[in-house]
Structure formats: structure tokens, C-alpha cells
Protein backbone atom coordinates (compact mmCIF):
# COMPACT_ATOMS: atom_id res chain seq x y z
CA MET A 1 124.65 133.77 121.67
CA LEU A 2 122.65 136.98 121.77
CA ARG A 3 119.29 136.80 123.50
CA TYR A 4 116.69 139.50 122.84
CA ARG A 5 114.15 140.50 125.46
CA PHE A 6 111.20 142.33 123.95
CA THR A 7 110.62 144.88 126.72
CA THR A 8 107.73 147.31 127.10
CA VAL A 9 109.92 150.22 125.96
CA GLN A 10 110.98 148.31 122.86
CA ALA A 11 107.38 147.44 122.14
CA LEU A 12 106.35 151.10 122.32
CA THR A 13 109.16 152.21 119.98
CA PHE A 14 109.03 149.16 117.71
CA HIS A 15 107.48 150.85 114.69
CA GLU A 16 109.67 153.97 115.07
CA ASN A 17 112.96 152.10 115.26
CA PRO A 18 114.24 150.72 111.92
CA ALA A 19 116.83 148.61 113.70
CA ALA A 20 114.18 147.03 115.88
CA ASN A 21 112.05 146.37 112.82
CA GLY A 22 115.03 144.67 111.23
CA ILE A 23 115.53 142.40 114.22
CA PHE A 24 111.94 141.61 115.14
CA GLY A 25 109.96 142.32 111.98
CA GLY A 26 111.47 139.41 110.10
CA SER A 27 110.77 137.03 112.96
CA GLU A 28 107.18 138.21 113.19
CA ARG A 29 106.68 137.68 109.46
CA CYS A 30 108.19 134.19 109.71
CA VAL A 31 105.82 133.30 112.53
CA GLN A 32 102.83 134.63 110.59
CA GLU A 33 103.86 132.74 107.46
CA GLU A 34 104.34 129.55 109.46
CA GLN A 35 100.92 129.93 111.09
CA HIS A 36 99.32 130.58 107.70
CA SER A 37 101.06 127.53 106.24
CA HIS A 38 99.91 125.38 109.17
CA ARG A 39 96.31 126.54 108.72
CA ASN A 40 96.47 125.70 105.03
CA GLU A 41 97.86 122.23 105.76
CA SER A 42 95.16 121.62 108.38
CA ALA A 43 92.44 122.71 105.96
CA MET A 44 93.84 120.48 103.22
CA GLU A 45 93.98 117.47 105.55
CA GLU A 46 90.43 118.12 106.77
CA THR A 47 89.23 118.18 103.15
CA PHE A 48 91.15 114.98 102.36
CA VAL A 49 89.91 113.14 105.46
CA GLY A 50 86.36 114.32 104.81
CA LYS A 51 86.34 112.50 101.46
CA LEU A 52 87.53 109.15 102.83
CA SER A 53 85.13 106.25 103.22
CA LEU A 54 84.85 104.87 106.74
CA LEU A 55 87.01 101.89 105.77
CA GLU A 56 89.66 104.23 104.37
CA LEU A 57 89.38 106.39 107.47
CA LEU A 58 89.95 103.30 109.63
CA LYS A 59 93.24 102.58 107.88
CA TYR A 60 94.33 106.23 107.78
CA SER A 61 93.61 106.77 111.49
CA GLN A 62 95.89 103.88 112.48
CA GLU A 63 99.02 105.47 111.06
CA SER A 64 101.11 106.87 113.92
CA ASP A 65 101.23 110.41 112.53
CA ASN A 66 97.46 110.51 112.01
CA ALA A 67 96.07 108.96 115.21
CA LYS A 68 95.71 112.30 117.01
CA SER A 69 95.02 114.37 113.92
CA PRO A 70 92.30 116.99 114.57
CA ALA A 71 90.90 116.20 111.12
CA VAL A 72 90.51 112.51 112.00
CA LEU A 73 88.93 113.23 115.39
CA LYS A 74 86.56 115.76 113.80
CA ARG A 75 85.50 113.32 111.08
CA ILE A 76 84.74 110.63 113.67
CA ALA A 77 82.75 113.12 115.77
CA ASP A 78 80.86 114.33 112.69
CA GLU A 79 79.98 110.78 111.64
CA ARG A 80 78.76 109.97 115.15
CA ALA A 81 76.63 113.13 115.26
CA GLN A 82 75.11 112.46 111.84
CA MET A 83 74.26 108.85 112.70
CA SER A 84 72.75 109.92 116.02
CA LYS A 85 70.59 112.41 114.14
CA THR A 86 69.49 109.76 111.65
CA LEU A 87 68.62 107.35 114.45
CA LEU A 88 66.55 110.07 116.09
CA LEU A 89 64.65 110.62 112.85
CA LEU A 90 64.09 106.87 112.52
CA SER A 91 62.70 106.85 116.05
CA ALA A 92 60.04 109.32 114.99
CA LEU A 93 59.18 107.19 111.95
CA LYS A 94 59.35 103.86 113.78
CA PRO A 95 55.59 103.48 114.48
CA GLY A 96 54.89 103.92 110.76
CA ILE A 97 57.59 101.44 109.83
CA ALA A 98 56.29 98.89 112.33
CA GLU A 99 52.81 99.08 110.81
CA CYS A 100 54.08 98.61 107.25
CA TRP A 101 56.78 96.02 107.72
CA PRO A 102 55.90 92.31 107.86
CA THR A 103 55.45 91.06 111.41
CA ALA A 104 58.34 88.62 111.00
CA LEU A 105 60.75 91.49 110.35
CA GLN A 106 59.58 93.79 113.11
CA GLY A 107 61.37 91.93 115.91
CA ALA A 108 64.74 91.89 114.16
CA SER A 109 64.43 95.52 113.06
CA THR A 110 63.61 96.59 116.62
CA SER A 111 66.61 94.65 117.97
CA LEU A 112 68.88 96.19 115.33
CA TYR A 113 67.68 99.69 116.14
CA ALA A 114 68.32 99.19 119.88
CA LEU A 115 71.81 97.82 119.19
CA MET A 116 72.65 100.81 117.02
CA LEU A 117 71.73 103.14 119.89
CA ASP A 118 74.00 101.10 122.18
CA ALA A 119 76.84 101.33 119.65
CA ILE A 120 76.61 105.13 119.47
CA LYS A 121 76.73 105.34 123.28
CA LEU A 122 79.82 103.13 123.29
CA THR A 123 81.64 105.51 120.95
CA GLU A 124 81.08 108.28 123.48
CA HIS A 125 82.39 106.11 126.32
CA ASN A 126 85.50 105.23 124.30
CA GLN A 127 86.78 108.78 124.69
CA LYS A 128 87.31 108.17 128.43
CA LEU A 129 89.46 105.07 128.02
CA TYR A 130 93.11 104.92 129.08
CA ALA A 131 93.98 103.72 125.61
CA PRO A 132 96.19 104.96 122.77
CA GLN A 133 94.24 107.30 120.49
CA GLY A 134 94.77 104.95 117.56
CA LYS A 135 93.01 102.17 119.48
CA LYS A 136 90.10 104.47 120.36
CA ASN A 137 89.83 105.52 116.71
CA MET A 138 89.67 101.87 115.66
CA LEU A 139 86.95 101.01 118.19
CA ASN A 140 84.86 104.02 117.21
CA ILE A 141 85.11 103.48 113.47
CA GLU A 142 84.34 99.75 113.77
CA LEU A 143 81.17 100.65 115.66
CA LEU A 144 80.24 103.37 113.18
CA LEU A 145 80.72 100.98 110.26
CA SER A 146 78.27 98.53 111.83
CA VAL A 147 75.76 101.29 112.57
CA LYS A 148 76.07 102.52 108.97
CA ASP A 149 75.26 99.02 107.67
CA GLY A 150 72.25 98.82 109.98
CA LEU A 151 70.95 102.21 108.92
CA GLU A 152 71.14 101.22 105.26
CA LEU A 153 68.87 98.24 106.00
CA LEU A 154 66.32 100.16 108.07
CA GLN A 155 66.11 103.01 105.57
CA LYS A 156 65.25 100.82 102.60
CA PRO A 157 61.94 101.65 100.88
CA LEU A 158 59.03 99.25 101.35
CA GLU A 159 59.47 97.73 97.90
CA MET A 160 63.08 96.84 98.77
CA LEU A 161 62.72 95.61 102.35
CA PRO A 162 65.65 93.58 103.73
CA SER A 163 65.21 89.88 104.17
CA GLN A 164 65.04 88.16 107.54
CA ASP A 165 68.53 86.76 106.92
CA GLU A 166 69.95 90.22 106.20
CA LEU A 167 68.48 91.64 109.40
CA ASP A 168 69.60 88.67 111.48
CA LEU A 169 73.13 88.96 110.06
CA ALA A 170 73.25 92.69 110.83
CA VAL A 171 72.06 92.05 114.40
CA ALA A 172 74.63 89.28 114.92
CA LYS A 173 77.44 91.39 113.48
CA LEU A 174 76.59 94.40 115.63
CA ARG A 175 76.32 92.26 118.76
CA HIS A 176 79.74 90.78 117.99
CA VAL A 177 81.35 94.20 117.47
CA ILE A 178 79.74 95.59 120.63
CA ALA A 179 80.96 92.58 122.67
CA LEU A 180 84.53 93.03 121.41
CA VAL A 181 84.47 96.76 122.15
CA GLN A 182 83.08 96.19 125.63
CA MET A 183 85.84 93.68 126.42
CA THR A 184 88.43 96.17 125.20
CA GLN A 185 86.83 98.91 127.29
CA VAL A 186 87.05 96.77 130.43
CA HIS A 187 90.74 96.16 129.74
CA PHE A 188 91.65 99.79 129.18
CA SER A 189 89.42 101.19 131.92
CA THR A 190 91.41 99.18 134.47
CA ASP A 191 94.86 99.18 132.84
CA THR A 192 96.28 102.69 133.14
CA ASN A 193 99.46 101.49 131.44
CA GLY A 194 97.59 101.54 128.17
CA HIS A 195 97.55 105.34 128.19
């Protein structure tokens, strides 16, 4: 089998040598076309993943070919960043909310807010686990789903305030998810075989 070594001399005479262009030009075009095709596929997947709901993303991210997909990882990171930003904005509004909301709801809403902050921090810690990427995706999206539900409750207008039962249920659900994630983190932070 012939093996071509693209030497400095060949590189300097590449454009002046029709034979060299015949040998290497086609290969270069193939590489460029392949790179262009790959970029198009990546852009299409990013667009597709960007339109998925979090529940759909959870399912999609568990498929073996998608677990390490840059589009999936970017979507998770974008969701985390957006929720962190929203929580920060809520923090600035919190004194006003506390004054307007009924006293009975203030305790549960404060607990829910604190738990959502904890959940976001856990998603950041998940990246350091010795766990398969699919498992880390699942943990992160489960946390983000719970945070999303909590944000929907805390962002309701005054005329549509959540009930005590709704807040208590959201708090209980988020505590449950956080506890499960923390147990999983302990397992994978000590079990290097999970990598």
C-alpha cells in the first residue's frame, strides 16, 4: 500500500504541481466536506434538543448515542444557568413577596426557595462524579424538573397564589429528589468503578 508523506517541499509546490493536486486536493476537499457535514449535523441536533421539554430531554439523554452529546450537555447547562438567573431575580424580589403573601405561606415558600438553591448546587457537583454521563444527565434533569415546578409556584401572581398544600407538596418532592441524588452522589464519589 502506498503511503504519502506531505513534506515541506511538497507543501511549497502543492499548488504548482497538478499531480500533487490530484493526489491531495481530493482528500482535502473530502475532509472539508466531512467537517461541513458534521457541523450541519451538530447544528441540527442542537436545534432539535433545544425544542425538547425537560421530560423529553430526560428520555433522549438516556439513549446510549446521546448521553455525551454536546447538544444535550449544552441544553442542561443552559437550563441550569437560566434557572440560577431566575432564582437570583426572585431573591431580589423576595422581601416584596414576603410582605404580600399570607403569613401561612411564607414559611413554605422560603423553604422551597432554599431547596431550589440547594438543587442547583447539586447539579454542579454532579459533574465531578465518577458516574456514566447518562446517569449524571438523569440526576441533573430530575433536579431541574423539580426546580422548574418550584419556580412556577413562586412566580404566580398575587391573585393566583399557590395553596399551602401545593407548596408543601413541592417542598416534599424537592426534598425527596435531593435526598435520592445525594445518596447517588455518595455512591459514585466513592466507587471509581462507576466511571
